[in-house]
Every structure is written in C-alpha cells, then in structure tokens.
C-alpha cells in the first residue's frame, strides 16, 4: 500500500508527462481490442446464420482458383463443373441446392455505375437457403426471360434513388436486363456465402452461363439436406461423388454444418491476427515510451532513492515502488483503451450492420496485455533503481 501511495504521488506530480506516456498504451490497447471485437463479431455473425439454418448446410468450394482476364473483366476459374452440379442434383436426400456463379464486370443504370457490386448467377434455391425475401416482384429463375434480373434494395436505391424499380433496365456486362424483383435488405454483409447479398444483382443460372460461352464457372455450391441427422453421411456421399467426377483429384473442399462456420472463422482469424500484430507494435512502442520515462524518473529521483535506502528501504522496496508506477500507468491506460475501443465498436456497428463482440475474454485480454507491457518495460528501470548504492546516490546531489 505504501508503494501504491508513493506511486500515485509521483505520477500526480508529473501529470502532463504521465498522460503523454500513458497515451501510447491507450492507443495500443484500444487498437487491439477493437480488432478483436470486430473480428469476433464477424465470426459470431456467420455462426448464427449457420445455426439459424439448423446446422443443415453443406458448402462446396473449389480448393484453388486462378484469375482469368476476359473481355468483360475478371472472373474466377474454378474446379467445380456443371457435371458436379448435375450429379449432386440427382440425390433424393437434399432439400435445396444453389450454385453460385460470380460474374465479372459492372452493372450500370443510366449514367451511374454500381462500383463494388456483385453480379450473382444462381437458382431460386439461393433465396430458400439464405432466407432472401423478394418484394415487390420475384426472384430470378429459369422460367423467366433470359434478360431479366433481380436487384437488392440497397443497390436499387444507390443506382436509381428509389426501390420502386420494377420494369426498369439495368445494364449487366454490356447487356440490358429488365428488373423483375427487389430483394429486401438482410442487414448482414457478412454471411456464410461470402457475398454481400445487400449489394448484389441476381440473374438466372442459365443467363450466367451465357456470359461465359455457355460454360458454368461455379464458385460455390450451397446445399441443405432434408434430414439434419444425416448431414454428415450426405456430405460424405456428395464429397465422394464429386471426387469420382474429378478422377480422384481433391481440388475442392466439402464442409458441413458447424464446419462451414469454422471455415469462415479461419479467414477472420487470419485477418484479425495480421491486424492485431500491427496494433501490437503500437503497444510495444508505448511500452518503450514508459521505459524511457521511467529511466528518466530514476535518474531524477536518485537522491530520493538514496534517502529511502539510508532509512532502511531494501532493494525489494525500491523495486516494488518503481514497478508499481509502471503497472499503474499501463493498467490505467489499458482501462481507458478498452473504453475507447468499445465506444468505437459501438459507433462502427451502426455502419457495419453487425454486432461487435463485447465479452469478458476480450476485456481480460486487453487488461492482460497492458499488465504484461507494464511488467516487461517497467522491470529494467525498477531493477536499475533498486541496485543504486545509497552512499553514491546521496553524494551525487550534495
């Protein structure tokens, strides 16, 4: 308690220096906490979608894709073929199956372009699997005219200034399409398909093939089964069917139930880890700043150390005094950083349309990092102060 009182007095006597030194810890902890909060929130969003479907989803993705330039822009070549689609379609134990073809190019309406929008060629089963609601109008299917499209509400407002766009024309890859339906907002740009469904234009599967000389470039197959209890067996059978089609070449990946969420988790975890490492550098820089200031403090308070030792203070007392000062700055900075991070996360959630994670694990992780930084970077100055000779310390400032 005595060390804490002395530390508080010392930090108060140099408030400006203490505040500036703590700022590095505040920024570092806030950055890491914000990254963890947003990344975990994104993972939770995908997991909740998989659970909403009832862990009844099978996702098939190509293992490797390459980029191919064509006259319409950039599209993905893929190892999934129409033969795979037709083989799986024959199974009686699947409820819905939606191929997803992502078309390169830009959608235009009058003089406006939908920058960053996704053009998706698929079947009506996509709406069944992902819960897309179309009103007014209808979702595209193979019974409608080839040159028709369904547009998301958000994209309709962006292009036309209104969501009342039935009968209007949108140009997709240089070809005019009549809008026959408007898809309601899902308010979830992060989903198990990896496509922002709120900024997409949908065309029929056959129409999508026509943009690629009649060849289906299938980036994903989304499948739901009739009986959730058989999902593992069904996924295994589908996997074997596609493997036989590919002559035993495993150039695709089959995921079922919770594994779909875990697959997306790996992407978000990698992204969060890379960003957190960058944020950690800020925290380390803050720790170096604390060590520098602590060393300055040890030099300025040499006489104080000598007097305390002359009056009976041990090396452990001096070590504890300076270590407590370092820990107090870091812990206070950590608490402030957590408050700032959660405030920013709350503000960003209104724009990102998914809920950042605010839980005990992230809070404790932020405080633990602040504590470790305070311990590591405060230890050397504290040890240096504790080893000062009392006679030399008193003689230095006579």
Protein backbone atom coordinates (compact mmCIF):
# COMPACT_ATOMS: atom_id res chain seq x y z
CA UNK A 1 0.00 0.00 0.00
CA UNK A 2 2.90 2.32 0.75
CA UNK A 3 4.34 1.65 -2.72
CA UNK A 4 0.96 2.45 -4.27
CA UNK A 5 0.67 5.74 -2.35
CA UNK A 6 4.19 6.78 -3.38
CA UNK A 7 3.45 5.82 -6.99
CA UNK A 8 0.27 7.90 -7.03
CA UNK A 9 2.10 10.91 -5.60
CA UNK A 10 4.90 10.56 -8.12
CA UNK A 11 2.54 10.24 -11.10
CA UNK A 12 0.43 13.18 -9.93
CA UNK A 13 3.47 15.40 -9.59
CA UNK A 14 4.17 14.96 -13.33
CA UNK A 15 0.65 14.78 -14.72
CA UNK A 16 1.44 16.00 -18.23
CA UNK A 17 4.33 13.57 -18.62
CA UNK A 18 2.27 10.74 -17.16
CA UNK A 19 -0.63 11.44 -19.52
CA UNK A 20 1.55 11.57 -22.62
CA UNK A 21 3.38 8.41 -21.61
CA UNK A 22 0.13 6.55 -20.96
CA UNK A 23 -1.22 7.65 -24.35
CA UNK A 24 0.85 5.02 -26.16
CA UNK A 25 -0.69 2.27 -24.02
CA UNK A 26 -4.19 3.67 -24.54
CA UNK A 27 -3.79 3.64 -28.34
CA UNK A 28 -2.22 0.17 -28.38
CA UNK A 29 -4.86 -1.46 -26.17
CA UNK A 30 -7.69 0.34 -27.98
CA UNK A 31 -6.40 -0.83 -31.38
CA UNK A 32 -6.02 -4.48 -30.40
CA UNK A 33 -9.33 -4.58 -28.52
CA UNK A 34 -11.20 -3.00 -31.44
CA UNK A 35 -9.71 -5.52 -33.88
CA UNK A 36 -10.61 -8.46 -31.62
CA UNK A 37 -14.11 -7.10 -31.05
CA UNK A 38 -14.88 -6.62 -34.75
CA UNK A 39 -13.26 -9.89 -35.81
CA UNK A 40 -15.08 -11.93 -33.18
CA UNK A 41 -18.33 -10.17 -34.04
CA UNK A 42 -17.91 -11.15 -37.70
CA UNK A 43 -17.28 -14.79 -36.71
CA UNK A 44 -20.35 -14.80 -34.47
CA UNK A 45 -22.49 -13.44 -37.33
CA UNK A 46 -21.60 -16.34 -39.61
CA UNK A 47 -22.07 -18.86 -36.80
CA UNK A 48 -25.53 -17.51 -36.02
CA UNK A 49 -26.51 -17.83 -39.69
CA UNK A 50 -25.39 -21.45 -39.79
CA UNK A 51 -27.30 -22.17 -36.57
CA UNK A 52 -30.38 -20.39 -37.96
CA UNK A 53 -30.39 -22.79 -40.89
CA UNK A 54 -30.14 -25.52 -38.27
CA UNK A 55 -26.60 -26.73 -38.98
CA UNK A 56 -28.27 -28.16 -42.06
CA UNK A 57 -25.94 -26.60 -44.62
CA UNK A 58 -23.31 -28.14 -46.87
CA UNK A 59 -20.86 -25.84 -48.64
CA UNK A 60 -18.68 -26.99 -51.52
CA UNK A 61 -15.89 -24.69 -52.66
CA UNK A 62 -13.03 -25.11 -55.12
CA UNK A 63 -9.73 -25.64 -53.34
CA UNK A 64 -7.80 -23.36 -55.71
CA UNK A 65 -8.96 -20.64 -58.05
CA UNK A 66 -6.99 -18.57 -60.54
CA UNK A 67 -7.78 -15.22 -62.07
CA UNK A 68 -8.68 -15.15 -65.76
CA UNK A 69 -8.93 -11.96 -67.79
CA UNK A 70 -11.75 -11.90 -70.34
CA UNK A 71 -13.42 -9.18 -72.45
CA UNK A 72 -15.93 -8.48 -69.67
CA UNK A 73 -13.46 -8.05 -66.81
CA UNK A 74 -12.09 -10.51 -64.29
CA UNK A 75 -13.76 -13.76 -63.28
CA UNK A 76 -12.68 -16.79 -61.32
CA UNK A 77 -11.86 -20.05 -63.00
CA UNK A 78 -12.91 -22.88 -60.75
CA UNK A 79 -12.61 -26.63 -60.43
CA UNK A 80 -16.37 -27.12 -59.86
CA UNK A 81 -18.21 -28.05 -63.03
CA UNK A 82 -21.76 -28.47 -64.23
CA UNK A 83 -21.19 -32.23 -64.14
CA UNK A 84 -20.71 -31.95 -60.38
CA UNK A 85 -23.92 -29.92 -60.11
CA UNK A 86 -25.95 -32.43 -62.10
CA UNK A 87 -24.51 -35.39 -60.17
CA UNK A 88 -25.43 -33.91 -56.80
CA UNK A 89 -28.85 -32.79 -58.06
CA UNK A 90 -29.85 -36.44 -58.58
CA UNK A 91 -29.67 -37.19 -54.86
CA UNK A 92 -33.03 -37.61 -53.13
CA UNK A 93 -31.78 -36.61 -49.66
CA UNK A 94 -31.11 -32.93 -50.46
CA UNK A 95 -33.75 -30.25 -49.97
CA UNK A 96 -32.23 -27.31 -51.83
CA UNK A 97 -29.10 -26.71 -53.88
CA UNK A 98 -27.92 -23.35 -55.18
CA UNK A 99 -24.90 -22.90 -57.43
CA UNK A 100 -23.23 -19.51 -57.21
CA UNK A 101 -21.53 -18.05 -60.28
CA UNK A 102 -19.83 -14.71 -59.67
CA UNK A 103 -19.69 -12.70 -62.87
CA UNK A 104 -17.07 -10.08 -63.52
CA UNK A 105 -17.98 -6.70 -64.96
CA UNK A 106 -20.02 -3.73 -63.82
CA UNK A 107 -23.74 -3.06 -63.54
CA UNK A 108 -24.90 0.31 -64.91
CA UNK A 109 -28.13 2.25 -64.84
CA UNK A 110 -28.34 5.36 -67.00
CA UNK A 111 -25.14 7.26 -66.13
CA UNK A 112 -24.46 5.54 -62.80
CA UNK A 113 -22.21 2.56 -62.13
CA UNK A 114 -22.58 0.13 -59.23
CA UNK A 115 -18.98 0.16 -58.06
CA UNK A 116 -18.12 -2.86 -55.94
CA UNK A 117 -21.46 -4.56 -56.52
CA UNK A 118 -21.58 -8.31 -57.10
CA UNK A 119 -23.31 -9.93 -60.06
CA UNK A 120 -24.55 -13.36 -58.99
CA UNK A 121 -25.90 -16.05 -61.31
CA UNK A 122 -27.85 -18.64 -59.34
CA UNK A 123 -31.15 -20.50 -58.92
CA UNK A 124 -34.22 -19.72 -56.76
CA UNK A 125 -32.89 -22.15 -54.15
CA UNK A 126 -30.40 -19.49 -53.04
CA UNK A 127 -33.31 -17.45 -51.68
CA UNK A 128 -34.61 -20.53 -49.86
CA UNK A 129 -31.23 -21.35 -48.30
CA UNK A 130 -30.17 -17.84 -47.26
CA UNK A 131 -33.66 -16.55 -46.41
CA UNK A 132 -33.73 -13.83 -49.07
CA UNK A 133 -37.14 -12.15 -49.39
CA UNK A 134 -38.20 -10.57 -52.69
CA UNK A 135 -40.85 -7.83 -52.57
CA UNK A 136 -42.10 -6.45 -54.82
CA UNK A 137 -41.63 -8.79 -57.75
CA UNK A 138 -39.97 -12.20 -57.84
CA UNK A 139 -36.56 -13.82 -57.61
CA UNK A 140 -34.98 -14.84 -60.91
CA UNK A 141 -35.45 -18.39 -62.19
CA UNK A 142 -35.00 -20.27 -65.45
CA UNK A 143 -38.64 -19.84 -66.48
CA UNK A 144 -38.35 -16.06 -66.82
CA UNK A 145 -36.86 -14.33 -69.80
CA UNK A 146 -33.08 -14.58 -70.07
CA UNK A 147 -32.54 -10.82 -69.95
CA UNK A 148 -34.16 -10.27 -66.55
CA UNK A 149 -32.60 -9.60 -63.16
CA UNK A 150 -33.45 -9.18 -59.50
CA UNK A 151 -31.71 -6.39 -57.61
CA UNK A 152 -31.06 -5.82 -53.92
CA UNK A 153 -32.95 -2.93 -52.36
CA UNK A 154 -29.82 -1.08 -51.24
CA UNK A 155 -28.30 -1.28 -54.71
CA UNK A 156 -31.56 -0.14 -56.31
CA UNK A 157 -31.58 2.98 -54.15
CA UNK A 158 -27.92 3.57 -54.98
CA UNK A 159 -28.49 3.35 -58.73
CA UNK A 160 -31.98 4.83 -59.13
CA UNK A 161 -32.60 6.78 -55.94
CA UNK A 162 -35.63 4.60 -55.16
CA UNK A 163 -36.51 0.96 -54.55
CA UNK A 164 -39.53 1.19 -56.88
CA UNK A 165 -37.62 -0.10 -59.89
CA UNK A 166 -39.76 -2.91 -61.36
CA UNK A 167 -39.64 -2.74 -65.15
CA UNK A 168 -36.57 -0.53 -65.25
CA UNK A 169 -33.48 -1.54 -67.16
CA UNK A 170 -30.02 -2.28 -65.73
CA UNK A 171 -27.05 -2.98 -67.96
CA UNK A 172 -25.04 -6.05 -66.90
CA UNK A 173 -21.76 -6.71 -68.69
CA UNK A 174 -22.98 -4.60 -71.60
CA UNK A 175 -26.34 -6.38 -71.91
CA UNK A 176 -29.62 -4.70 -70.83
CA UNK A 177 -31.75 -6.57 -68.28
CA UNK A 178 -35.26 -5.80 -67.06
CA UNK A 179 -35.64 -5.74 -63.27
CA UNK A 180 -38.38 -8.15 -62.16
CA UNK A 181 -37.84 -8.10 -58.40
CA UNK A 182 -36.29 -6.28 -55.43
CA UNK A 183 -34.61 -8.25 -52.64
CA UNK A 184 -35.14 -6.90 -49.13
CA UNK A 185 -32.10 -5.90 -47.09
CA UNK A 186 -30.60 -8.65 -44.95
CA UNK A 187 -28.56 -6.08 -42.99
CA UNK A 188 -25.76 -8.61 -42.87
CA UNK A 189 -22.93 -8.01 -45.34
CA UNK A 190 -21.07 -10.90 -43.69
CA UNK A 191 -22.64 -14.28 -44.36
CA UNK A 192 -21.79 -17.91 -44.99
CA UNK A 193 -21.72 -17.44 -48.78
CA UNK A 194 -19.06 -14.74 -48.56
CA UNK A 195 -21.12 -12.49 -50.87
CA UNK A 196 -22.61 -9.15 -49.77
CA UNK A 197 -26.21 -10.03 -50.57
CA UNK A 198 -27.31 -6.44 -49.90
CA UNK A 199 -25.23 -5.10 -52.80
CA UNK A 200 -25.87 -7.72 -55.43
CA UNK A 201 -27.71 -8.16 -58.71
CA UNK A 202 -29.07 -11.63 -59.38
CA UNK A 203 -29.52 -13.28 -62.77
CA UNK A 204 -30.58 -16.81 -63.60
CA UNK A 205 -28.11 -19.67 -63.72
CA UNK A 206 -28.55 -20.19 -67.47
CA UNK A 207 -28.14 -16.46 -68.07
CA UNK A 208 -24.89 -16.54 -66.11
CA UNK A 209 -23.55 -19.33 -68.30
CA UNK A 210 -24.37 -17.33 -71.42
CA UNK A 211 -21.85 -14.69 -70.36
CA UNK A 212 -19.14 -17.35 -70.42
CA UNK A 213 -19.85 -19.06 -73.75
CA UNK A 214 -22.26 -21.48 -72.10
CA UNK A 215 -19.72 -22.78 -69.59
CA UNK A 216 -20.62 -22.75 -65.88
CA UNK A 217 -17.89 -21.29 -63.67
CA UNK A 218 -19.28 -22.40 -60.31
CA UNK A 219 -17.59 -20.72 -57.35
CA UNK A 220 -19.78 -22.36 -54.69
CA UNK A 221 -22.46 -24.97 -54.16
CA UNK A 222 -24.81 -24.35 -51.23
CA UNK A 223 -26.86 -27.38 -50.22
CA UNK A 224 -29.38 -28.13 -47.48
CA UNK A 225 -30.47 -31.66 -46.61
CA UNK A 226 -33.94 -32.95 -45.80
CA UNK A 227 -32.88 -34.72 -42.60
CA UNK A 228 -30.31 -32.82 -40.46
CA UNK A 229 -29.38 -36.02 -38.65
CA UNK A 230 -27.94 -37.43 -41.89
CA UNK A 231 -25.91 -34.36 -42.82
CA UNK A 232 -22.51 -35.98 -42.23
CA UNK A 233 -23.43 -39.07 -44.26
CA UNK A 234 -24.90 -36.94 -47.05
CA UNK A 235 -21.88 -34.64 -47.12
CA UNK A 236 -19.57 -37.68 -47.30
CA UNK A 237 -21.55 -39.17 -50.18
CA UNK A 238 -21.59 -35.87 -52.08
CA UNK A 239 -17.87 -35.48 -51.50
CA UNK A 240 -17.19 -38.93 -52.92
CA UNK A 241 -19.41 -38.26 -55.95
CA UNK A 242 -17.52 -35.09 -56.84
CA UNK A 243 -14.20 -36.80 -56.14
CA UNK A 244 -15.11 -39.53 -58.63
CA UNK A 245 -16.06 -36.85 -61.19
CA UNK A 246 -12.61 -35.30 -60.71
CA UNK A 247 -10.80 -38.61 -61.24
CA UNK A 248 -9.71 -38.73 -57.61
CA UNK A 249 -8.22 -35.21 -57.69
CA UNK A 250 -9.16 -33.39 -54.47
CA UNK A 251 -9.30 -29.88 -55.90
CA UNK A 252 -12.38 -28.92 -53.90
CA UNK A 253 -13.49 -28.77 -50.27
CA UNK A 254 -16.71 -30.08 -48.72
CA UNK A 255 -17.89 -28.51 -45.46
CA UNK A 256 -20.95 -29.49 -43.45
CA UNK A 257 -22.80 -27.90 -40.51
CA UNK A 258 -20.52 -26.23 -37.98
CA UNK A 259 -17.55 -26.78 -40.30
CA UNK A 260 -18.98 -24.07 -42.58
CA UNK A 261 -18.68 -21.54 -39.76
CA UNK A 262 -15.24 -22.85 -38.82
CA UNK A 263 -14.06 -22.41 -42.41
CA UNK A 264 -15.10 -18.76 -42.32
CA UNK A 265 -13.56 -18.48 -38.85
CA UNK A 266 -10.15 -19.38 -40.28
CA UNK A 267 -10.34 -16.42 -42.68
CA UNK A 268 -11.41 -13.97 -40.00
CA UNK A 269 -8.86 -15.32 -37.53
CA UNK A 270 -6.08 -14.82 -40.08
CA UNK A 271 -7.25 -11.29 -40.80
CA UNK A 272 -7.63 -10.46 -37.11
CA UNK A 273 -4.21 -11.92 -36.30
CA UNK A 274 -2.46 -9.92 -39.02
CA UNK A 275 -4.16 -6.69 -37.94
CA UNK A 276 -3.60 -7.41 -34.25
CA UNK A 277 0.13 -7.86 -34.86
CA UNK A 278 0.25 -4.40 -36.43
CA UNK A 279 -1.67 -2.99 -33.46
CA UNK A 280 0.67 -4.81 -31.09
CA UNK A 281 3.57 -2.78 -32.49
CA UNK A 282 1.80 0.34 -31.20
CA UNK A 283 1.55 -1.24 -27.77
CA UNK A 284 5.25 -2.13 -27.79
CA UNK A 285 6.14 1.43 -28.78
CA UNK A 286 4.01 2.64 -25.87
CA UNK A 287 5.90 0.25 -23.59
CA UNK A 288 9.25 1.61 -24.80
CA UNK A 289 7.99 5.11 -24.05
CA UNK A 290 7.14 4.06 -20.50
CA UNK A 291 10.59 2.52 -20.03
CA UNK A 292 12.28 5.70 -21.24
CA UNK A 293 10.23 7.89 -18.91
CA UNK A 294 10.85 5.52 -16.02
CA UNK A 295 14.60 5.69 -16.65
CA UNK A 296 14.38 9.48 -16.63
CA UNK A 297 12.45 9.26 -13.37
CA UNK A 298 15.07 7.01 -11.81
CA UNK A 299 17.77 9.50 -12.76
CA UNK A 300 15.80 12.46 -11.39
CA UNK A 301 14.99 10.69 -8.10
CA UNK A 302 18.45 9.31 -7.33
CA UNK A 303 18.67 11.33 -4.12
CA UNK A 304 15.21 10.15 -3.04
CA UNK A 305 16.34 6.55 -3.56
CA UNK A 306 19.47 7.18 -1.51
CA UNK A 307 17.49 8.71 1.37
CA UNK A 308 14.97 5.83 1.41
CA UNK A 309 17.75 3.25 1.44
CA UNK A 310 19.61 5.14 4.17
CA UNK A 311 16.43 5.00 6.25
CA UNK A 312 16.14 1.23 5.83
CA UNK A 313 14.40 0.59 2.47
CA UNK A 314 15.56 -2.61 0.85
CA UNK A 315 16.19 -3.32 -2.81
CA UNK A 316 12.81 -5.07 -2.94
CA UNK A 317 11.09 -1.93 -1.58
CA UNK A 318 12.65 0.27 -4.28
CA UNK A 319 11.97 -2.34 -6.97
CA UNK A 320 8.32 -2.54 -5.93
CA UNK A 321 7.95 1.24 -5.83
CA UNK A 322 9.03 1.79 -9.44
CA UNK A 323 7.39 -1.37 -10.76
CA UNK A 324 4.07 -0.29 -9.24
CA UNK A 325 4.37 3.07 -11.01
CA UNK A 326 4.87 1.35 -14.36
CA UNK A 327 1.97 -1.05 -13.77
CA UNK A 328 -0.34 1.75 -12.69
CA UNK A 329 0.31 3.72 -15.86
CA UNK A 330 -0.26 0.66 -18.03
CA UNK A 331 -3.37 -0.61 -16.26
CA UNK A 332 -4.99 2.84 -16.23
CA UNK A 333 -4.06 3.22 -19.90
CA UNK A 334 -5.49 -0.25 -20.57
CA UNK A 335 -8.82 0.61 -18.94
CA UNK A 336 -9.02 3.85 -20.92
CA UNK A 337 -8.10 1.97 -24.11
CA UNK A 338 -10.86 -0.57 -23.50
CA UNK A 339 -13.41 2.20 -23.01
CA UNK A 340 -12.35 3.91 -26.23
CA UNK A 341 -12.32 0.62 -28.20
CA UNK A 342 -15.81 -0.37 -27.10
CA UNK A 343 -17.08 3.14 -27.83
CA UNK A 344 -15.65 2.98 -31.35
CA UNK A 345 -17.00 -0.55 -31.83
CA UNK A 346 -20.47 0.63 -30.88
CA UNK A 347 -20.21 3.58 -33.29
CA UNK A 348 -18.94 1.38 -36.14
CA UNK A 349 -21.70 -1.19 -35.59
CA UNK A 350 -24.22 1.33 -36.92
CA UNK A 351 -22.32 1.34 -40.22
CA UNK A 352 -21.09 -2.27 -40.40
CA UNK A 353 -24.54 -3.75 -39.73
CA UNK A 354 -23.22 -6.50 -37.48
CA UNK A 355 -22.71 -6.51 -33.75
CA UNK A 356 -19.11 -6.33 -32.49
CA UNK A 357 -18.30 -8.79 -29.71
CA UNK A 358 -18.01 -7.31 -26.23
CA UNK A 359 -17.25 -10.07 -23.78
CA UNK A 360 -15.17 -10.93 -20.73
CA UNK A 361 -12.46 -12.73 -22.72
CA UNK A 362 -11.65 -9.69 -24.88
CA UNK A 363 -11.75 -7.36 -21.87
CA UNK A 364 -9.39 -9.56 -19.88
CA UNK A 365 -7.11 -9.94 -22.90
CA UNK A 366 -6.80 -6.14 -23.19
CA UNK A 367 -6.05 -5.72 -19.50
CA UNK A 368 -3.60 -8.64 -19.55
CA UNK A 369 -1.65 -7.10 -22.43
CA UNK A 370 -1.46 -3.78 -20.59
CA UNK A 371 -0.26 -5.56 -17.42
CA UNK A 372 2.39 -7.55 -19.31
CA UNK A 373 3.70 -4.43 -21.05
CA UNK A 374 3.88 -2.61 -17.72
CA UNK A 375 5.75 -5.52 -16.15
CA UNK A 376 8.20 -6.07 -19.00
CA UNK A 377 9.09 -2.46 -19.75
CA UNK A 378 8.98 -1.31 -16.13
CA UNK A 379 11.20 -4.08 -14.79
CA UNK A 380 14.54 -2.80 -16.11
CA UNK A 381 14.15 0.76 -14.72
CA UNK A 382 12.91 -0.70 -11.41
CA UNK A 383 15.89 -3.08 -11.15
CA UNK A 384 18.27 -0.25 -12.03
CA UNK A 385 16.76 1.92 -9.28
CA UNK A 386 16.90 -0.88 -6.68
CA UNK A 387 20.61 -1.50 -7.30
CA UNK A 388 21.70 2.06 -6.68
CA UNK A 389 24.20 2.46 -3.86
CA UNK A 390 22.73 4.73 -1.15
CA UNK A 391 26.04 6.48 -0.41
CA UNK A 392 26.75 7.19 -4.07
CA UNK A 393 23.15 8.33 -4.55
CA UNK A 394 23.37 10.84 -1.68
CA UNK A 395 26.84 12.02 -2.72
CA UNK A 396 25.70 12.69 -6.30
CA UNK A 397 23.39 15.56 -5.33
CA UNK A 398 25.10 17.14 -2.29
